[in-house]
Structure formats: C-alpha cells, structure tokens
PDB file of N, CA and C in Angstrom:
ATOM      1  N   MET A   1       8.662  -7.336   5.578  1.00  0.00           N
ATOM      2  CA  MET A   1       8.831  -5.732   4.181  1.00  0.00           C
ATOM      3  C   MET A   1      10.519  -5.861   4.374  1.00  0.00           C
ATOM      4  N   ARG A   2      11.185  -6.010   4.787  1.00  0.00           N
ATOM      5  CA  ARG A   2      12.942  -6.255   4.735  1.00  0.00           C
ATOM      6  C   ARG A   2      13.064  -7.253   4.060  1.00  0.00           C
ATOM      7  N   ARG A   3      12.716  -8.112   3.516  1.00  0.00           N
ATOM      8  CA  ARG A   3      13.305  -9.026   2.447  1.00  0.00           C
ATOM      9  C   ARG A   3      12.758  -8.306   1.400  1.00  0.00           C
ATOM     10  N   LEU A   4      11.576  -7.796   0.821  1.00  0.00           N
ATOM     11  CA  LEU A   4      11.215  -6.942  -0.285  1.00  0.00           C
ATOM     12  C   LEU A   4      12.037  -6.538  -0.620  1.00  0.00           C
ATOM     13  N   MET A   5      12.790  -5.300   0.514  1.00  0.00           N
ATOM     14  CA  MET A   5      13.517  -3.872   0.131  1.00  0.00           C
ATOM     15  C   MET A   5      14.494  -4.686  -0.196  1.00  0.00           C
ATOM     16  N   THR A   6      15.807  -5.372   0.296  1.00  0.00           N
ATOM     17  CA  THR A   6      16.823  -5.840  -0.259  1.00  0.00           C
ATOM     18  C   THR A   6      16.581  -6.644  -1.459  1.00  0.00           C
ATOM     19  N   VAL A   7      15.841  -7.459  -1.985  1.00  0.00           N
ATOM     20  CA  VAL A   7      15.391  -8.227  -3.374  1.00  0.00           C
ATOM     21  C   VAL A   7      15.278  -7.329  -4.428  1.00  0.00           C
ATOM     22  N   THR A   8      14.555  -6.168  -4.269  1.00  0.00           N
ATOM     23  CA  THR A   8      14.063  -4.872  -5.587  1.00  0.00           C
ATOM     24  C   THR A   8      14.058  -3.851  -4.934  1.00  0.00           C
ATOM     25  N   PRO A   9      15.062  -3.316  -4.641  1.00  0.00           N
ATOM     26  CA  PRO A   9      15.075  -1.810  -4.615  1.00  0.00           C
ATOM     27  C   PRO A   9      14.788  -0.795  -4.794  1.00  0.00           C
ATOM     28  N   PHE A  10      15.206  -1.122  -5.993  1.00  0.00           N
ATOM     29  CA  PHE A  10      14.837   0.025  -7.691  1.00  0.00           C
ATOM     30  C   PHE A  10      13.030  -0.241  -7.563  1.00  0.00           C
ATOM     31  N   LEU A  11      12.461  -1.290  -7.569  1.00  0.00           N
ATOM     32  CA  LEU A  11      11.026  -1.274  -7.314  1.00  0.00           C
ATOM     33  C   LEU A  11      10.720  -1.205  -6.095  1.00  0.00           C
ATOM     34  N   TYR A  12      11.085  -0.794  -5.002  1.00  0.00           N
ATOM     35  CA  TYR A  12      10.461  -0.436  -3.514  1.00  0.00           C
ATOM     36  C   TYR A  12      10.777   0.734  -3.928  1.00  0.00           C
ATOM     37  N   MET A  13      11.446   1.795  -3.961  1.00  0.00           N
ATOM     38  CA  MET A  13      12.094   3.136  -4.217  1.00  0.00           C
ATOM     39  C   MET A  13      10.686   3.645  -5.410  1.00  0.00           C
ATOM     40  N   LEU A  14      10.442   3.244  -6.403  1.00  0.00           N
ATOM     41  CA  LEU A  14       9.532   3.946  -7.154  1.00  0.00           C
ATOM     42  C   LEU A  14       8.047   3.686  -6.547  1.00  0.00           C
ATOM     43  N   PHE A  15       7.567   2.286  -6.398  1.00  0.00           N
ATOM     44  CA  PHE A  15       6.269   2.465  -5.455  1.00  0.00           C
ATOM     45  C   PHE A  15       6.165   1.726  -3.889  1.00  0.00           C
ATOM     46  N   PRO A  16       6.508   2.198  -3.118  1.00  0.00           N
ATOM     47  CA  PRO A  16       6.997   1.713  -1.978  1.00  0.00           C
ATOM     48  C   PRO A  16       5.284   0.915  -1.346  1.00  0.00           C
ATOM     49  N   ASN A  17       4.512   1.194  -1.751  1.00  0.00           N
ATOM     50  CA  ASN A  17       3.146   0.287  -1.137  1.00  0.00           C
ATOM     51  C   ASN A  17       2.743  -0.646  -2.350  1.00  0.00           C
ATOM     52  N   LEU A  18       3.837  -1.134  -3.233  1.00  0.00           N
ATOM     53  CA  LEU A  18       3.504  -2.089  -4.194  1.00  0.00           C
ATOM     54  C   LEU A  18       3.598  -3.303  -3.763  1.00  0.00           C
ATOM     55  N   PRO A  19       4.871  -3.996  -2.849  1.00  0.00           N
ATOM     56  CA  PRO A  19       4.739  -5.047  -1.874  1.00  0.00           C
ATOM     57  C   PRO A  19       4.119  -5.593  -0.872  1.00  0.00           C
ATOM     58  N   PRO A  20       3.844  -4.541   0.399  1.00  0.00           N
ATOM     59  CA  PRO A  20       2.913  -4.478   0.951  1.00  0.00           C
ATOM     60  C   PRO A  20       1.324  -4.932   0.344  1.00  0.00           C
ATOM     61  N   PHE A  21       1.118  -4.162  -0.497  1.00  0.00           N
ATOM     62  CA  PHE A  21      -0.485  -4.291  -1.341  1.00  0.00           C
ATOM     63  C   PHE A  21      -0.763  -5.425  -1.730  1.00  0.00           C
ATOM     64  N   CYS A  22       0.551  -6.037  -2.478  1.00  0.00           N
ATOM     65  CA  CYS A  22      -0.267  -7.669  -3.040  1.00  0.00           C
ATOM     66  C   CYS A  22       0.195  -8.510  -1.814  1.00  0.00           C
ATOM     67  N   SER A  23       0.721  -8.783  -0.882  1.00  0.00           N
ATOM     68  CA  SER A  23       1.143  -9.350  -0.053  1.00  0.00           C
ATOM     69  C   SER A  23      -0.667  -9.241   1.061  1.00  0.00           C
ATOM     70  N   ASN A  24      -0.569  -7.771   1.381  1.00  0.00           N
ATOM     71  CA  ASN A  24      -1.857  -7.478   2.344  1.00  0.00           C
ATOM     72  C   ASN A  24      -2.777  -8.191   1.639  1.00  0.00           C
ATOM     73  N   TYR A  25      -3.145  -7.752   0.413  1.00  0.00           N
ATOM     74  CA  TYR A  25      -4.469  -8.309  -0.431  1.00  0.00           C
ATOM     75  C   TYR A  25      -4.483  -9.465  -1.383  1.00  0.00           C
ATOM     76  N   GLY A  26      -3.811  -9.873  -1.295  1.00  0.00           N
ATOM     77  CA  GLY A  26      -3.315 -11.186  -2.049  1.00  0.00           C
ATOM     78  C   GLY A  26      -3.983 -10.945  -3.611  1.00  0.00           C
ATOM     79  N   MET A  27      -3.557  -9.664  -4.076  1.00  0.00           N
ATOM     80  CA  MET A  27      -3.649  -9.789  -5.111  1.00  0.00           C
ATOM     81  C   MET A  27      -2.860  -8.893  -6.080  1.00  0.00           C
ATOM     82  N   SER A  28      -2.702  -9.345  -7.361  1.00  0.00           N
ATOM     83  CA  SER A  28      -1.764  -9.647  -8.483  1.00  0.00           C
ATOM     84  C   SER A  28      -2.219  -7.800  -9.236  1.00  0.00           C
ATOM     85  N   ILE A  29      -0.569  -6.844  -8.940  1.00  0.00           N
ATOM     86  CA  ILE A  29      -0.956  -5.373 -10.024  1.00  0.00           C
ATOM     87  C   ILE A  29      -0.018  -5.077 -10.368  1.00  0.00           C
ATOM     88  N   MET A  30      -0.403  -4.260 -11.479  1.00  0.00           N
ATOM     89  CA  MET A  30       0.819  -3.636 -12.370  1.00  0.00           C
ATOM     90  C   MET A  30       0.430  -2.106 -12.732  1.00  0.00           C
ATOM     91  N   VAL A  31       1.412  -1.459 -12.201  1.00  0.00           N
ATOM     92  CA  VAL A  31       1.729  -0.031 -12.199  1.00  0.00           C
ATOM     93  C   VAL A  31       2.628   0.096 -13.227  1.00  0.00           C
ATOM     94  N   PHE A  32       1.872   1.209 -14.327  1.00  0.00           N
ATOM     95  CA  PHE A  32       2.928   1.836 -15.580  1.00  0.00           C
ATOM     96  C   PHE A  32       3.095   3.539 -15.567  1.00  0.00           C
ATOM     97  N   SER A  33       3.782   3.659 -15.537  1.00  0.00           N
ATOM     98  CA  SER A  33       3.901   5.077 -15.285  1.00  0.00           C
ATOM     99  C   SER A  33       5.258   5.535 -16.482  1.00  0.00           C
ATOM    100  N   THR A  34       4.690   6.870 -17.181  1.00  0.00           N
ATOM    101  CA  THR A  34       5.194   7.289 -18.559  1.00  0.00           C
ATOM    102  C   THR A  34       5.714   8.500 -18.352  1.00  0.00           C
ATOM    103  N   ASP A  35       6.889   9.044 -18.800  1.00  0.00           N
ATOM    104  CA  ASP A  35       7.517  10.356 -19.468  1.00  0.00           C
ATOM    105  C   ASP A  35       7.142  10.654 -20.490  1.00  0.00           C
ATOM    106  N   GLU A  36       6.127  11.857 -20.648  1.00  0.00           N
ATOM    107  CA  GLU A  36       6.192  11.841 -22.255  1.00  0.00           C
ATOM    108  C   GLU A  36       6.862  12.866 -22.867  1.00  0.00           C
ATOM    109  N   THR A  37       8.202  13.346 -21.948  1.00  0.00           N
ATOM    110  CA  THR A  37       8.838  14.390 -22.527  1.00  0.00           C
ATOM    111  C   THR A  37       9.807  12.925 -22.899  1.00  0.00           C
ATOM    112  N   THR A  38      10.310  11.900 -22.972  1.00  0.00           N
ATOM    113  CA  THR A  38      11.152  10.639 -23.001  1.00  0.00           C
ATOM    114  C   THR A  38      10.656   9.960 -23.918  1.00  0.00           C
ATOM    115  N   ASN A  39       9.394   9.708 -23.544  1.00  0.00           N
ATOM    116  CA  ASN A  39       8.936   8.589 -24.766  1.00  0.00           C
ATOM    117  C   ASN A  39       8.900   7.976 -23.789  1.00  0.00           C
ATOM    118  N   LYS A  40       9.078   7.331 -22.670  1.00  0.00           N
ATOM    119  CA  LYS A  40       9.410   6.597 -22.193  1.00  0.00           C
ATOM    120  C   LYS A  40       9.030   5.743 -21.073  1.00  0.00           C
ATOM    121  N   ALA A  41       8.627   4.524 -20.922  1.00  0.00           N
ATOM    122  CA  ALA A  41       7.356   4.391 -19.839  1.00  0.00           C
ATOM    123  C   ALA A  41       8.099   2.964 -18.662  1.00  0.00           C
ATOM    124  N   VAL A  42       8.326   3.245 -17.520  1.00  0.00           N
ATOM    125  CA  VAL A  42       8.536   1.975 -16.533  1.00  0.00           C
ATOM    126  C   VAL A  42       7.171   1.460 -16.077  1.00  0.00           C
ATOM    127  N   VAL A  43       7.162   0.204 -16.349  1.00  0.00           N
ATOM    128  CA  VAL A  43       5.997  -0.450 -15.573  1.00  0.00           C
ATOM    129  C   VAL A  43       6.703  -1.678 -14.596  1.00  0.00           C
ATOM    130  N   CYS A  44       5.453  -1.849 -13.342  1.00  0.00           N
ATOM    131  CA  CYS A  44       6.247  -2.803 -12.356  1.00  0.00           C
ATOM    132  C   CYS A  44       5.185  -3.549 -12.166  1.00  0.00           C
ATOM    133  N   ALA A  45       5.127  -4.924 -11.640  1.00  0.00           N
ATOM    134  CA  ALA A  45       4.396  -5.925 -11.997  1.00  0.00           C
ATOM    135  C   ALA A  45       4.457  -6.605 -10.068  1.00  0.00           C
ATOM    136  N   GLY A  46       3.529  -6.836  -9.547  1.00  0.00           N
ATOM    137  CA  GLY A  46       3.486  -7.835  -7.911  1.00  0.00           C
ATOM    138  C   GLY A  46       2.325  -8.771  -8.527  1.00  0.00           C
ATOM    139  N   VAL A  47       3.279  -9.867  -8.286  1.00  0.00           N
ATOM    140  CA  VAL A  47       1.638 -11.203  -8.023  1.00  0.00           C
ATOM    141  C   VAL A  47       2.363 -11.780  -6.186  1.00  0.00           C
ATOM    142  N   PRO A  48       1.311 -11.930  -5.724  1.00  0.00           N
ATOM    143  CA  PRO A  48       1.789 -12.203  -4.429  1.00  0.00           C
ATOM    144  C   PRO A  48       2.646 -13.777  -4.288  1.00  0.00           C
ATOM    145  N   ASP A  49       3.335 -14.301  -3.848  1.00  0.00           N
ATOM    146  CA  ASP A  49       4.120 -15.023  -3.979  1.00  0.00           C
ATOM    147  C   ASP A  49       3.085 -16.176  -2.946  1.00  0.00           C
ATOM    148  N   LYS A  50       2.626 -16.191  -2.405  1.00  0.00           N
ATOM    149  CA  LYS A  50       1.971 -16.977  -1.815  1.00  0.00           C
ATOM    150  C   LYS A  50       0.493 -16.779  -1.655  1.00  0.00           C
ATOM    151  N   SER A  51      -0.018 -17.393  -2.906  1.00  0.00           N
ATOM    152  CA  SER A  51      -1.326 -17.652  -3.306  1.00  0.00           C
ATOM    153  C   SER A  51      -0.946 -18.214  -4.356  1.00  0.00           C
ATOM    154  N   ASP A  52      -2.443 -18.620  -4.709  1.00  0.00           N
ATOM    155  CA  ASP A  52      -2.971 -19.643  -5.829  1.00  0.00           C
ATOM    156  C   ASP A  52      -2.211 -18.883  -7.612  1.00  0.00           C
ATOM    157  N   GLU A  53      -2.660 -17.818  -7.255  1.00  0.00           N
ATOM    158  CA  GLU A  53      -2.186 -16.868  -8.627  1.00  0.00           C
ATOM    159  C   GLU A  53      -0.096 -16.930  -8.669  1.00  0.00           C
ATOM    160  N   PHE A  54       0.112 -16.871  -8.072  1.00  0.00           N
ATOM    161  CA  PHE A  54       1.576 -17.224  -7.902  1.00  0.00           C
ATOM    162  C   PHE A  54       1.739 -18.471  -9.175  1.00  0.00           C
ATOM    163  N   LYS A  55       1.183 -19.273  -8.699  1.00  0.00           N
ATOM    164  CA  LYS A  55       1.372 -20.430  -9.664  1.00  0.00           C
ATOM    165  C   LYS A  55       0.969 -20.332 -11.197  1.00  0.00           C
ATOM    166  N   GLN A  56      -0.542 -20.014 -11.344  1.00  0.00           N
ATOM    167  CA  GLN A  56      -1.102 -19.170 -12.662  1.00  0.00           C
ATOM    168  C   GLN A  56      -0.513 -18.587 -13.246  1.00  0.00           C
ATOM    169  N   LEU A  57       0.170 -17.232 -12.669  1.00  0.00           N
ATOM    170  CA  LEU A  57       0.556 -16.419 -13.544  1.00  0.00           C
ATOM    171  C   LEU A  57       2.028 -15.869 -12.985  1.00  0.00           C
ATOM    172  N   ASP A  58       3.003 -15.474 -14.251  1.00  0.00           N
ATOM    173  CA  ASP A  58       4.063 -15.948 -13.588  1.00  0.00           C
ATOM    174  C   ASP A  58       3.905 -14.281 -13.837  1.00  0.00           C
ATOM    175  N   VAL A  59       5.006 -13.452 -12.972  1.00  0.00           N
ATOM    176  CA  VAL A  59       5.024 -12.497 -13.215  1.00  0.00           C
ATOM    177  C   VAL A  59       6.130 -11.891 -14.423  1.00  0.00           C
ATOM    178  N   THR A  60       7.198 -12.517 -14.484  1.00  0.00           N
ATOM    179  CA  THR A  60       7.917 -12.128 -15.650  1.00  0.00           C
ATOM    180  C   THR A  60       7.054 -12.339 -16.937  1.00  0.00           C
ATOM    181  N   GLU A  61       6.322 -13.141 -17.201  1.00  0.00           N
ATOM    182  CA  GLU A  61       6.274 -13.765 -18.573  1.00  0.00           C
ATOM    183  C   GLU A  61       4.635 -12.580 -18.549  1.00  0.00           C
ATOM    184  N   TRP A  62       4.443 -12.204 -17.585  1.00  0.00           N
ATOM    185  CA  TRP A  62       2.943 -10.949 -17.524  1.00  0.00           C
ATOM    186  C   TRP A  62       3.297  -9.713 -17.963  1.00  0.00           C
ATOM    187  N   LEU A  63       4.879  -9.159 -17.311  1.00  0.00           N
ATOM    188  CA  LEU A  63       5.544  -7.927 -17.530  1.00  0.00           C
ATOM    189  C   LEU A  63       5.941  -7.918 -18.879  1.00  0.00           C
ATOM    190  N   THR A  64       6.668  -9.343 -19.358  1.00  0.00           N
ATOM    191  CA  THR A  64       7.142  -9.185 -21.040  1.00  0.00           C
ATOM    192  C   THR A  64       5.881  -8.852 -22.123  1.00  0.00           C
ATOM    193  N   THR A  65       4.954  -9.874 -21.693  1.00  0.00           N
ATOM    194  CA  THR A  65       3.415  -9.472 -22.761  1.00  0.00           C
ATOM    195  C   THR A  65       3.303  -7.934 -22.584  1.00  0.00           C
ATOM    196  N   ALA A  66       3.383  -7.426 -21.259  1.00  0.00           N
ATOM    197  CA  ALA A  66       2.639  -5.920 -21.285  1.00  0.00           C
ATOM    198  C   ALA A  66       3.740  -4.986 -22.031  1.00  0.00           C
ATOM    199  N   LEU A  67       5.140  -5.441 -21.702  1.00  0.00           N
ATOM    200  CA  LEU A  67       5.973  -4.189 -22.430  1.00  0.00           C
ATOM    201  C   LEU A  67       6.237  -4.437 -24.013  1.00  0.00           C
ATOM    202  N   GLY A  68       5.204  -5.824 -24.581  1.00  0.00           N
ATOM    203  CA  GLY A  68       5.905  -5.739 -25.862  1.00  0.00           C
ATOM    204  C   GLY A  68       5.072  -4.344 -26.342  1.00  0.00           C
ATOM    205  N   PRO A  69       3.870  -4.131 -26.599  1.00  0.00           N
ATOM    206  CA  PRO A  69       3.737  -2.561 -27.551  1.00  0.00           C
ATOM    207  C   PRO A  69       4.723  -1.285 -27.185  1.00  0.00           C
ATOM    208  N   LEU A  70       5.358  -1.201 -25.522  1.00  0.00           N
ATOM    209  CA  LEU A  70       5.991  -0.576 -25.504  1.00  0.00           C
ATOM    210  C   LEU A  70       7.270  -0.382 -26.310  1.00  0.00           C
ATOM    211  N   LYS A  71       7.791  -1.570 -26.850  1.00  0.00           N
ATOM    212  CA  LYS A  71       9.411  -2.052 -27.060  1.00  0.00           C
ATOM    213  C   LYS A  71      10.341  -2.112 -26.152  1.00  0.00           C
ATOM    214  N   GLY A  72       9.324  -2.873 -25.251  1.00  0.00           N
ATOM    215  CA  GLY A  72      10.483  -3.022 -23.662  1.00  0.00           C
ATOM    216  C   GLY A  72      11.260  -3.892 -23.246  1.00  0.00           C
ATOM    217  N   ARG A  73      11.856  -4.173 -22.309  1.00  0.00           N
ATOM    218  CA  ARG A  73      12.206  -5.511 -21.734  1.00  0.00           C
ATOM    219  C   ARG A  73      12.131  -5.189 -20.355  1.00  0.00           C
ATOM    220  N   CYS A  74      12.627  -6.368 -19.666  1.00  0.00           N
ATOM    221  CA  CYS A  74      12.610  -6.457 -17.948  1.00  0.00           C
ATOM    222  C   CYS A  74      13.656  -7.208 -17.821  1.00  0.00           C
ATOM    223  N   GLY A  75      13.619  -7.233 -16.473  1.00  0.00           N
ATOM    224  CA  GLY A  75      14.774  -8.280 -15.717  1.00  0.00           C
ATOM    225  C   GLY A  75      13.876  -9.385 -15.358  1.00  0.00           C
ATOM    226  N   LYS A  76      14.560 -10.698 -14.433  1.00  0.00           N
ATOM    227  CA  LYS A  76      14.209 -11.868 -14.227  1.00  0.00           C
ATOM    228  C   LYS A  76      13.173 -11.574 -13.477  1.00  0.00           C
ATOM    229  N   GLY A  77      13.203 -11.046 -12.155  1.00  0.00           N
ATOM    230  CA  GLY A  77      11.784 -10.528 -11.115  1.00  0.00           C
ATOM    231  C   GLY A  77      12.252 -11.888  -9.989  1.00  0.00           C
ATOM    232  N   LYS A  78      11.994 -11.318  -8.615  1.00  0.00           N
ATOM    233  CA  LYS A  78      12.139 -12.204  -7.799  1.00  0.00           C
ATOM    234  C   LYS A  78      10.877 -11.624  -6.750  1.00  0.00           C
ATOM    235  N   SER A  79      10.732 -13.139  -5.903  1.00  0.00           N
ATOM    236  CA  SER A  79       9.606 -12.634  -5.219  1.00  0.00           C
ATOM    237  C   SER A  79       8.411 -12.376  -5.596  1.00  0.00           C
ATOM    238  N   GLY A  80       7.764 -12.508  -7.046  1.00  0.00           N
ATOM    239  CA  GLY A  80       6.258 -12.319  -7.595  1.00  0.00           C
ATOM    240  C   GLY A  80       6.827 -10.559  -7.677  1.00  0.00           C
ATOM    241  N   LEU A  81       7.728 -10.010  -7.707  1.00  0.00           N
ATOM    242  CA  LEU A  81       7.748  -8.706  -8.157  1.00  0.00           C
ATOM    243  C   LEU A  81       9.067  -8.358  -9.697  1.00  0.00           C
ATOM    244  N   ALA A  82       8.502  -7.550 -10.049  1.00  0.00           N
ATOM    245  CA  ALA A  82       9.234  -7.820 -11.295  1.00  0.00           C
ATOM    246  C   ALA A  82       9.017  -6.028 -11.997  1.00  0.00           C
ATOM    247  N   SER A  83       9.998  -5.272 -12.837  1.00  0.00           N
ATOM    248  CA  SER A  83       9.613  -4.492 -13.748  1.00  0.00           C
ATOM    249  C   SER A  83      10.282  -3.913 -14.299  1.00  0.00           C
ATOM    250  N   GLY A  84      10.067  -3.250 -15.499  1.00  0.00           N
ATOM    251  CA  GLY A  84      11.213  -3.129 -16.774  1.00  0.00           C
ATOM    252  C   GLY A  84      10.589  -1.756 -17.285  1.00  0.00           C
ATOM    253  N   GLN A  85      11.103  -1.292 -18.460  1.00  0.00           N
ATOM    254  CA  GLN A  85      10.895  -0.362 -19.348  1.00  0.00           C
ATOM    255  C   GLN A  85      10.675  -0.382 -20.724  1.00  0.00           C
ATOM    256  N   GLY A  86      10.101   0.700 -21.154  1.00  0.00           N
ATOM    257  CA  GLY A  86       9.787   0.555 -22.568  1.00  0.00           C
ATOM    258  C   GLY A  86      10.164   1.720 -23.184  1.00  0.00           C
ATOM    259  N   THR A  87      10.330   1.929 -24.650  1.00  0.00           N
ATOM    260  CA  THR A  87      10.722   3.062 -25.624  1.00  0.00           C
ATOM    261  C   THR A  87       9.833   4.034 -25.985  1.00  0.00           C
ATOM    262  N   ASP A  88       8.744   3.206 -26.150  1.00  0.00           N
ATOM    263  CA  ASP A  88       7.294   4.049 -26.720  1.00  0.00           C
ATOM    264  C   ASP A  88       6.453   4.321 -25.653  1.00  0.00           C
ATOM    265  N   ALA A  89       6.406   5.294 -25.264  1.00  0.00           N
ATOM    266  CA  ALA A  89       5.046   5.079 -24.001  1.00  0.00           C
ATOM    267  C   ALA A  89       3.443   5.518 -25.089  1.00  0.00           C
ATOM    268  N   SER A  90       4.016   5.994 -26.026  1.00  0.00           N
ATOM    269  CA  SER A  90       2.478   6.470 -26.557  1.00  0.00           C
ATOM    270  C   SER A  90       1.655   5.147 -26.671  1.00  0.00           C
ATOM    271  N   GLN A  91       2.067   3.999 -26.367  1.00  0.00           N
ATOM    272  CA  GLN A  91       1.372   2.836 -26.327  1.00  0.00           C
ATOM    273  C   GLN A  91       0.956   2.032 -25.234  1.00  0.00           C
ATOM    274  N   VAL A  92       1.116   2.939 -24.299  1.00  0.00           N
ATOM    275  CA  VAL A  92       0.440   2.347 -23.123  1.00  0.00           C
ATOM    276  C   VAL A  92      -0.816   1.892 -23.209  1.00  0.00           C
ATOM    277  N   LYS A  93      -1.779   2.479 -24.238  1.00  0.00           N
ATOM    278  CA  LYS A  93      -2.987   2.041 -24.032  1.00  0.00           C
ATOM    279  C   LYS A  93      -3.194   0.491 -24.220  1.00  0.00           C
ATOM    280  N   ALA A  94      -2.510  -0.095 -25.353  1.00  0.00           N
ATOM    281  CA  ALA A  94      -2.116  -1.725 -25.882  1.00  0.00           C
ATOM    282  C   ALA A  94      -1.657  -1.981 -24.742  1.00  0.00           C
ATOM    283  N   ALA A  95      -0.759  -1.398 -24.137  1.00  0.00           N
ATOM    284  CA  ALA A  95      -0.227  -2.232 -23.335  1.00  0.00           C
ATOM    285  C   ALA A  95      -0.902  -2.980 -22.067  1.00  0.00           C
ATOM    286  N   LEU A  96      -2.053  -1.867 -21.507  1.00  0.00           N
ATOM    287  CA  LEU A  96      -2.713  -2.403 -20.758  1.00  0.00           C
ATOM    288  C   LEU A  96      -3.431  -3.131 -21.294  1.00  0.00           C
ATOM    289  N   ASP A  97      -4.424  -2.885 -22.336  1.00  0.00           N
ATOM    290  CA  ASP A  97      -5.159  -3.885 -22.893  1.00  0.00           C
ATOM    291  C   ASP A  97      -4.569  -5.462 -22.844  1.00  0.00           C
ATOM    292  N   LEU A  98      -3.465  -5.368 -23.080  1.00  0.00           N
ATOM    293  CA  LEU A  98      -2.856  -6.786 -23.395  1.00  0.00           C
ATOM    294  C   LEU A  98      -2.320  -7.648 -22.121  1.00  0.00           C
ATOM    295  N   ALA A  99      -1.842  -6.577 -21.022  1.00  0.00           N
ATOM    296  CA  ALA A  99      -1.884  -7.119 -19.852  1.00  0.00           C
ATOM    297  C   ALA A  99      -2.846  -7.509 -19.240  1.00  0.00           C
ATOM    298  N   ALA A 100      -4.059  -6.649 -19.354  1.00  0.00           N
ATOM    299  CA  ALA A 100      -5.201  -7.018 -18.977  1.00  0.00           C
ATOM    300  C   ALA A 100      -6.014  -8.682 -19.469  1.00  0.00           C
ATOM    301  N   SER A 101      -5.733  -8.982 -21.224  1.00  0.00           N
ATOM    302  CA  SER A 101      -6.010  -9.835 -21.461  1.00  0.00           C
ATOM    303  C   SER A 101      -5.532 -10.947 -21.131  1.00  0.00           C
ATOM    304  N   PHE A 102      -4.328 -10.714 -20.915  1.00  0.00           N
ATOM    305  CA  PHE A 102      -3.206 -12.175 -20.600  1.00  0.00           C
ATOM    306  C   PHE A 102      -3.472 -12.457 -19.065  1.00  0.00           C
ATOM    307  N   ALA A 103      -3.592 -11.857 -18.214  1.00  0.00           N
ATOM    308  CA  ALA A 103      -3.795 -11.692 -16.956  1.00  0.00           C
ATOM    309  C   ALA A 103      -5.471 -12.675 -16.490  1.00  0.00           C
ATOM    310  N   SER A 104      -5.902 -12.485 -17.454  1.00  0.00           N
ATOM    311  CA  SER A 104      -7.367 -13.037 -17.780  1.00  0.00           C
ATOM    312  C   SER A 104      -7.244 -13.941 -18.217  1.00  0.00           C
ATOM    313  N   MET A 105      -6.817 -14.735 -19.342  1.00  0.00           N
ATOM    314  CA  MET A 105      -6.123 -15.833 -19.640  1.00  0.00           C
ATOM    315  C   MET A 105      -5.647 -16.391 -19.100  1.00  0.00           C
ATOM    316  N   LYS A 106      -4.778 -16.262 -17.898  1.00  0.00           N
ATOM    317  CA  LYS A 106      -4.097 -17.145 -16.984  1.00  0.00           C
ATOM    318  C   LYS A 106      -4.599 -17.303 -16.087  1.00  0.00           C
ATOM    319  N   LEU A 107      -5.547 -16.821 -15.455  1.00  0.00           N
ATOM    320  CA  LEU A 107      -6.518 -16.781 -14.512  1.00  0.00           C
ATOM    321  C   LEU A 107      -8.117 -17.508 -14.371  1.00  0.00           C
ATOM    322  N   ASN A 108      -8.152 -17.693 -15.498  1.00  0.00           N
ATOM    323  CA  ASN A 108      -9.807 -18.531 -15.614  1.00  0.00           C
ATOM    324  C   ASN A 108      -9.323 -19.737 -16.637  1.00  0.00           C
TER     325      ASN A 108
END
C-alpha cells in the first residue's frame, strides 16, 4: 500500500480502495466520475501489475482509448495505475462502451 500511495497520490486520494482492489482481487478496473456543472470527467484505471492481464492490457493505452470520446488525456501511469480527465462528460456512455470493447479485444 505504501508504494502505491507514493507513486500515485492523486489517484489514491480520489479512489482509496482502487489499488488494493486491483491487487487483492487480481481484477482490472476503470472508474468514471463526472461533474455535470463543469461538463468534465475524471477517469482512473488499474490493472494488477502481477497478473497475466498486465502483459495483455496496457493501462495507459486502455485509458487513452476511453478518454477519446471525452476529449481528454492522461499521464503515463505507473505500477498498473493511471488517471486522466476529459472536457466532454456528456460522452461518458460512449467512453464506457469503448473501454469495455478495448479491454475485451485485448484480453481475448
């Protein structure tokens, strides 16, 4: 836990249960949060770094794909965790669909 907190303090503050969830359950996850007032979205993604999925599903590539409809961008990500934001929260449904399709394609 300490290593994840120092590597990704912003992500950990937003979603404190995301790093242990990914590690403990060996499950990839993407979380979307929108602010309808500003029409912005924050997206956080995690892929357990000690899993087979980590080799197949690059967290930054996955997040970048999902941020496309949201007109967003993300950082490099570390240890299987990445976050980004977009300026068109009205497209969150399209982003969710694209993220699910991308992950399915990479993991099958």
